[in-house]
C-alpha cells in the first residue's frame, strides 16, 4: 500500500503558496498528495504543480464534488450533459499534474436531497452519465473512483453494496469505486465486511477517523479495517482525509465547528505513523 495526504485540510485550490506544505509532506515520508480540483481554469497553475510534485517525488490523486447544475442523476438531460463536461474539465486539470485517480462523490450532487430515497430512474441516469464520463477519463488516462457518502451528506449512494451495483452497471474499466472509513463507520455494520463486499471494485481508500481528526484516536474499528484491506490484497493508496477550520467555507461544508487536533502537520505525522504501524510487513 502507498500513503497519501488529502490537501483539503489546508486548501480548496493548491497554488505556489503551498510549496512549503508539499515539501513538509514529502519530508514526512508520504508517497502522494490528494489535490482538490474545484477551480478548472488554472491550467498554468496545475502544470506548475505537476512539475513541483515531480521534483519532490510525490504521486498525485485528486478529489472533486458535483453541484446542482452538474448533477449526474438530474432528470434534465442538459444538467447531466453539464456533469460530463465538468468531469472532463476536472480530468483535464488532473492530467496536467499527473493525477492517477480522481475520487469523490461524483455520482450525484452533494448536499442536494429529493426528500426520498434514490429511484431507478436516477440510477439509470447516473449510470449513463458516468459511463460517458468514464470514456473521457480513459481518453485522459485517469481512473475515476466513485465514493459513497453517509446519508446526511447525500442520498444516492450511501453503502458499499449500492456503490458496487452502480459501478458494475456502468461496466467501464475507468470507473471503479473508493472506500472511506468515516462514511462506512456511519452506514455499515462492519468495516471488515464492507471492505470485503466491495474489494473487487475498490481502487482507492481514505483513512478518516469518526470525528475527522487524527486517524487512530477515535471509535472506528481500525483492526477490522486494516485486516480486511490485507485479506483482500488491496495495494493502492491509503490516503488520510481530515478536516479542520483553516478554510471557513470548507469547515462549514464539512460541519467542523471545533478544533479536532492540535496542529495539522502533527496530524500528518501521527496519521502516517498510524498507517505504517498497520501496513508494515
Protein backbone atom coordinates (compact mmCIF):
# COMPACT_ATOMS: atom_id res chain seq x y z
CA UNK A 1 0.00 0.00 0.00
CA UNK A 2 1.07 3.57 -0.72
CA UNK A 3 0.36 6.54 1.55
CA UNK A 4 -1.33 9.82 0.69
CA UNK A 5 -2.45 13.07 2.33
CA UNK A 6 -5.56 14.95 1.23
CA UNK A 7 -4.77 18.66 0.93
CA UNK A 8 -8.34 19.75 1.73
CA UNK A 9 -7.04 20.08 5.27
CA UNK A 10 -5.41 23.33 4.08
CA UNK A 11 -6.76 24.41 0.72
CA UNK A 12 -9.52 24.05 -1.85
CA UNK A 13 -7.11 25.19 -4.57
CA UNK A 14 -3.41 24.32 -4.40
CA UNK A 15 -1.11 27.09 -5.64
CA UNK A 16 2.52 28.18 -5.36
CA UNK A 17 1.85 29.41 -1.84
CA UNK A 18 1.54 25.77 -0.79
CA UNK A 19 5.01 24.75 -1.99
CA UNK A 20 6.34 24.68 1.57
CA UNK A 21 3.46 22.45 2.63
CA UNK A 22 4.25 20.00 -0.16
CA UNK A 23 7.88 19.93 0.94
CA UNK A 24 6.89 19.14 4.52
CA UNK A 25 4.55 16.34 3.45
CA UNK A 26 7.23 14.82 1.26
CA UNK A 27 9.79 15.10 4.07
CA UNK A 28 7.49 13.20 6.42
CA UNK A 29 7.57 10.27 4.01
CA UNK A 30 4.20 10.35 2.25
CA UNK A 31 4.08 8.81 -1.22
CA UNK A 32 1.43 11.15 -2.63
CA UNK A 33 -0.93 14.05 -2.09
CA UNK A 34 -4.60 14.33 -2.97
CA UNK A 35 -5.32 17.54 -4.86
CA UNK A 36 -8.75 19.21 -4.66
CA UNK A 37 -9.99 20.29 -8.10
CA UNK A 38 -12.82 22.80 -7.90
CA UNK A 39 -11.16 25.52 -9.99
CA UNK A 40 -10.93 24.20 -13.55
CA UNK A 41 -9.49 27.39 -15.10
CA UNK A 42 -5.99 27.50 -13.60
CA UNK A 43 -4.23 25.41 -16.25
CA UNK A 44 -0.88 27.13 -15.77
CA UNK A 45 -1.10 26.54 -12.05
CA UNK A 46 -1.82 22.84 -12.46
CA UNK A 47 1.06 22.45 -14.93
CA UNK A 48 3.37 24.11 -12.43
CA UNK A 49 2.02 21.89 -9.66
CA UNK A 50 2.86 18.82 -11.73
CA UNK A 51 6.47 19.92 -12.02
CA UNK A 52 6.63 20.62 -8.31
CA UNK A 53 5.25 17.22 -7.37
CA UNK A 54 7.67 15.52 -9.74
CA UNK A 55 10.62 17.35 -8.20
CA UNK A 56 9.54 16.18 -4.74
CA UNK A 57 8.91 12.59 -5.79
CA UNK A 58 5.23 12.80 -4.85
CA UNK A 59 2.48 10.98 -6.70
CA UNK A 60 -0.95 12.54 -7.06
CA UNK A 61 -4.61 11.68 -6.80
CA UNK A 62 -7.44 14.21 -6.94
CA UNK A 63 -10.86 14.86 -5.46
CA UNK A 64 -13.89 16.82 -6.63
CA UNK A 65 -17.63 17.04 -5.97
CA UNK A 66 -20.70 17.66 -8.10
CA UNK A 67 -23.10 20.58 -7.70
CA UNK A 68 -26.79 21.01 -8.57
CA UNK A 69 -26.03 22.46 -12.02
CA UNK A 70 -23.88 19.43 -12.90
CA UNK A 71 -25.81 16.65 -11.23
CA UNK A 72 -25.30 13.26 -12.93
CA UNK A 73 -28.70 11.95 -11.77
CA UNK A 74 -30.77 15.01 -12.72
CA UNK A 75 -33.92 14.37 -14.77
CA UNK A 76 -32.77 17.23 -17.03
CA UNK A 77 -30.51 15.92 -19.84
CA UNK A 78 -28.82 19.32 -20.13
CA UNK A 79 -27.72 19.15 -16.49
CA UNK A 80 -26.46 15.58 -16.96
CA UNK A 81 -24.51 16.73 -20.02
CA UNK A 82 -23.06 19.55 -17.91
CA UNK A 83 -21.91 16.91 -15.41
CA UNK A 84 -19.96 15.09 -18.12
CA UNK A 85 -18.43 18.36 -19.31
CA UNK A 86 -17.47 19.34 -15.76
CA UNK A 87 -15.82 16.00 -15.06
CA UNK A 88 -13.89 16.22 -18.30
CA UNK A 89 -12.57 19.66 -17.31
CA UNK A 90 -11.57 18.28 -13.91
CA UNK A 91 -9.83 15.34 -15.57
CA UNK A 92 -8.03 17.73 -17.91
CA UNK A 93 -6.67 19.61 -14.89
CA UNK A 94 -5.66 16.33 -13.25
CA UNK A 95 -3.85 15.29 -16.39
CA UNK A 96 -1.70 18.40 -16.08
CA UNK A 97 -0.24 17.38 -12.71
CA UNK A 98 -0.04 13.62 -13.21
CA UNK A 99 -3.21 12.55 -11.40
CA UNK A 100 -3.66 8.78 -11.19
CA UNK A 101 -7.14 8.57 -9.65
CA UNK A 102 -9.96 11.12 -9.44
CA UNK A 103 -12.14 10.29 -6.46
CA UNK A 104 -15.15 11.74 -4.67
CA UNK A 105 -18.96 11.59 -4.74
CA UNK A 106 -19.00 12.15 -8.49
CA UNK A 107 -22.22 10.14 -8.88
CA UNK A 108 -24.60 12.90 -7.68
CA UNK A 109 -24.74 16.42 -6.28
CA UNK A 110 -23.54 16.71 -2.71
CA UNK A 111 -25.94 18.28 -0.23
CA UNK A 112 -28.89 18.05 -2.64
CA UNK A 113 -31.80 15.94 -1.37
CA UNK A 114 -35.04 14.89 -3.02
CA UNK A 115 -36.83 14.06 0.22
CA UNK A 116 -36.95 10.41 -0.81
CA UNK A 117 -34.59 7.54 -1.42
CA UNK A 118 -32.88 7.04 -4.78
CA UNK A 119 -35.08 5.90 -7.65
CA UNK A 120 -34.40 3.52 -10.50
CA UNK A 121 -34.72 6.39 -12.95
CA UNK A 122 -31.97 8.24 -11.08
CA UNK A 123 -29.86 5.10 -11.05
CA UNK A 124 -30.20 4.68 -14.83
CA UNK A 125 -29.44 8.36 -15.41
CA UNK A 126 -26.35 8.17 -13.21
CA UNK A 127 -25.09 5.05 -14.94
CA UNK A 128 -25.47 6.65 -18.36
CA UNK A 129 -23.80 9.89 -17.25
CA UNK A 130 -20.84 8.22 -15.55
CA UNK A 131 -20.32 5.83 -18.46
CA UNK A 132 -19.90 8.87 -20.73
CA UNK A 133 -17.59 10.49 -18.17
CA UNK A 134 -15.57 7.28 -17.94
CA UNK A 135 -14.91 7.47 -21.68
CA UNK A 136 -13.44 10.93 -21.05
CA UNK A 137 -11.37 9.53 -18.18
CA UNK A 138 -10.00 6.76 -20.35
CA UNK A 139 -9.00 9.25 -23.03
CA UNK A 140 -7.07 11.21 -20.40
CA UNK A 141 -5.54 8.15 -18.71
CA UNK A 142 -7.06 8.78 -15.27
CA UNK A 143 -9.29 6.32 -13.45
CA UNK A 144 -12.31 7.60 -11.54
CA UNK A 145 -13.31 6.24 -8.13
CA UNK A 146 -16.92 6.76 -7.06
CA UNK A 147 -17.22 7.47 -3.33
CA UNK A 148 -20.34 6.64 -1.37
CA UNK A 149 -21.10 9.09 1.43
CA UNK A 150 -23.21 8.93 4.55
CA UNK A 151 -26.95 9.66 4.44
CA UNK A 152 -26.53 13.13 5.95
CA UNK A 153 -24.44 14.38 3.01
CA UNK A 154 -26.01 12.59 0.07
CA UNK A 155 -28.83 10.18 -0.67
CA UNK A 156 -27.98 8.41 -3.91
CA UNK A 157 -25.13 6.05 -2.93
CA UNK A 158 -24.63 5.52 0.80
CA UNK A 159 -23.36 1.94 1.17
CA UNK A 160 -20.68 -0.27 -0.32
CA UNK A 161 -23.30 -2.59 -1.79
CA UNK A 162 -25.02 0.29 -3.59
CA UNK A 163 -21.71 1.59 -4.93
CA UNK A 164 -20.72 -1.86 -6.19
CA UNK A 165 -24.04 -2.25 -8.01
CA UNK A 166 -23.59 1.16 -9.61
CA UNK A 167 -20.00 0.54 -10.73
CA UNK A 168 -20.85 -2.86 -12.16
CA UNK A 169 -23.78 -1.44 -14.07
CA UNK A 170 -21.58 1.28 -15.58
CA UNK A 171 -19.22 -1.55 -16.53
CA UNK A 172 -16.25 0.57 -17.62
CA UNK A 173 -12.57 -0.10 -16.85
CA UNK A 174 -12.01 3.54 -15.94
CA UNK A 175 -14.90 3.79 -13.45
CA UNK A 176 -14.42 1.98 -10.15
CA UNK A 177 -15.06 2.96 -6.52
CA UNK A 178 -13.35 4.02 -3.34
CA UNK A 179 -13.87 3.21 0.34
CA UNK A 180 -13.86 5.76 3.16
CA UNK A 181 -13.71 4.63 6.79
CA UNK A 182 -15.62 7.71 8.04
CA UNK A 183 -18.71 7.16 5.91
CA UNK A 184 -18.60 3.41 6.47
CA UNK A 185 -18.48 3.97 10.24
CA UNK A 186 -21.89 5.62 9.96
CA UNK A 187 -23.56 3.44 7.35
CA UNK A 188 -22.09 -0.07 7.60
CA UNK A 189 -22.47 -2.76 10.24
CA UNK A 190 -18.83 -3.83 9.91
CA UNK A 191 -15.76 -2.20 8.40
CA UNK A 192 -14.31 -5.60 7.51
CA UNK A 193 -17.47 -6.95 5.92
CA UNK A 194 -17.99 -3.79 3.92
CA UNK A 195 -14.43 -3.81 2.59
CA UNK A 196 -14.75 -7.46 1.58
CA UNK A 197 -18.06 -6.73 -0.17
CA UNK A 198 -16.55 -4.10 -2.47
CA UNK A 199 -12.95 -5.29 -2.76
CA UNK A 200 -13.20 -6.31 -6.41
CA UNK A 201 -14.19 -2.76 -7.42
CA UNK A 202 -12.11 -0.70 -4.96
CA UNK A 203 -9.11 1.21 -6.32
CA UNK A 204 -8.70 3.89 -3.64
CA UNK A 205 -9.31 4.22 0.11
CA UNK A 206 -9.47 7.01 2.66
CA UNK A 207 -8.19 6.78 6.20
CA UNK A 208 -10.55 9.04 8.11
CA UNK A 209 -11.43 9.00 11.81
CA UNK A 210 -15.02 9.14 13.03
CA UNK A 211 -14.57 12.79 14.14
CA UNK A 212 -12.42 13.70 11.07
CA UNK A 213 -9.44 14.19 13.38
CA UNK A 214 -6.24 12.17 13.87
CA UNK A 215 -6.62 8.63 12.49
CA UNK A 216 -6.40 6.00 15.19
CA UNK A 217 -7.66 8.19 18.05
CA UNK A 218 -11.41 7.59 17.75
CA UNK A 219 -14.09 4.92 17.58
CA UNK A 220 -13.57 3.36 14.16
CA UNK A 221 -12.87 -0.37 14.08
CA UNK A 222 -9.39 0.05 12.68
CA UNK A 223 -8.38 -3.54 13.38
CA UNK A 224 -11.19 -4.75 11.13
CA UNK A 225 -10.36 -2.10 8.54
CA UNK A 226 -6.68 -2.95 8.20
CA UNK A 227 -7.25 -6.68 8.44
CA UNK A 228 -9.77 -6.59 5.60
CA UNK A 229 -7.53 -4.49 3.35
CA UNK A 230 -4.75 -7.03 3.81
CA UNK A 231 -7.06 -10.02 3.35
CA UNK A 232 -8.42 -8.62 0.10
CA UNK A 233 -4.95 -7.81 -1.23
CA UNK A 234 -5.53 -4.07 -1.59
CA UNK A 235 -2.35 -2.39 -2.88
CA UNK A 236 -3.41 1.15 -3.86
CA UNK A 237 -3.21 4.45 -1.99
CA UNK A 238 -4.34 4.76 1.62
CA UNK A 239 -4.94 8.49 1.86
CA UNK A 240 -5.62 10.41 5.05
CA UNK A 241 -8.67 12.66 4.87
CA UNK A 242 -9.16 15.04 7.78
CA UNK A 243 -10.83 18.41 8.06
CA UNK A 244 -10.09 21.48 10.15
CA UNK A 245 -11.11 25.11 10.39
CA UNK A 246 -8.45 26.70 8.19
CA UNK A 247 -10.99 27.37 5.44
CA UNK A 248 -14.27 28.75 6.86
CA UNK A 249 -16.38 27.72 3.86
CA UNK A 250 -14.99 24.18 3.86
CA UNK A 251 -15.32 23.94 7.64
CA UNK A 252 -18.99 24.85 7.28
CA UNK A 253 -19.50 22.34 4.47
CA UNK A 254 -17.89 19.53 6.49
CA UNK A 255 -19.57 20.62 9.74
CA UNK A 256 -16.33 21.19 11.63
CA UNK A 257 -17.29 23.54 14.44
CA UNK A 258 -14.37 22.94 16.82
CA UNK A 259 -10.66 22.13 16.68
CA UNK A 260 -10.20 18.38 16.26
CA UNK A 261 -6.39 18.25 16.62
CA UNK A 262 -3.60 20.50 17.96
CA UNK A 263 -1.90 21.16 14.63
CA UNK A 264 -2.26 19.98 11.04
CA UNK A 265 1.31 18.82 10.49
CA UNK A 266 1.13 16.87 13.74
CA UNK A 267 -1.96 15.15 12.38
CA UNK A 268 0.01 14.23 9.25
CA UNK A 269 2.94 12.88 11.24
CA UNK A 270 0.80 10.88 13.68
CA UNK A 271 -1.55 9.70 10.95
CA UNK A 272 1.31 8.45 8.80
CA UNK A 273 2.84 6.63 11.78
CA UNK A 274 -0.56 5.04 12.42
CA UNK A 275 -0.83 3.82 8.82
CA UNK A 276 2.70 2.44 8.81
CA UNK A 277 2.14 0.62 12.09
CA UNK A 278 -0.65 -1.34 10.38
CA UNK A 279 0.84 -1.80 6.93
CA UNK A 280 4.43 -2.76 7.65
CA UNK A 281 5.36 -6.27 6.57
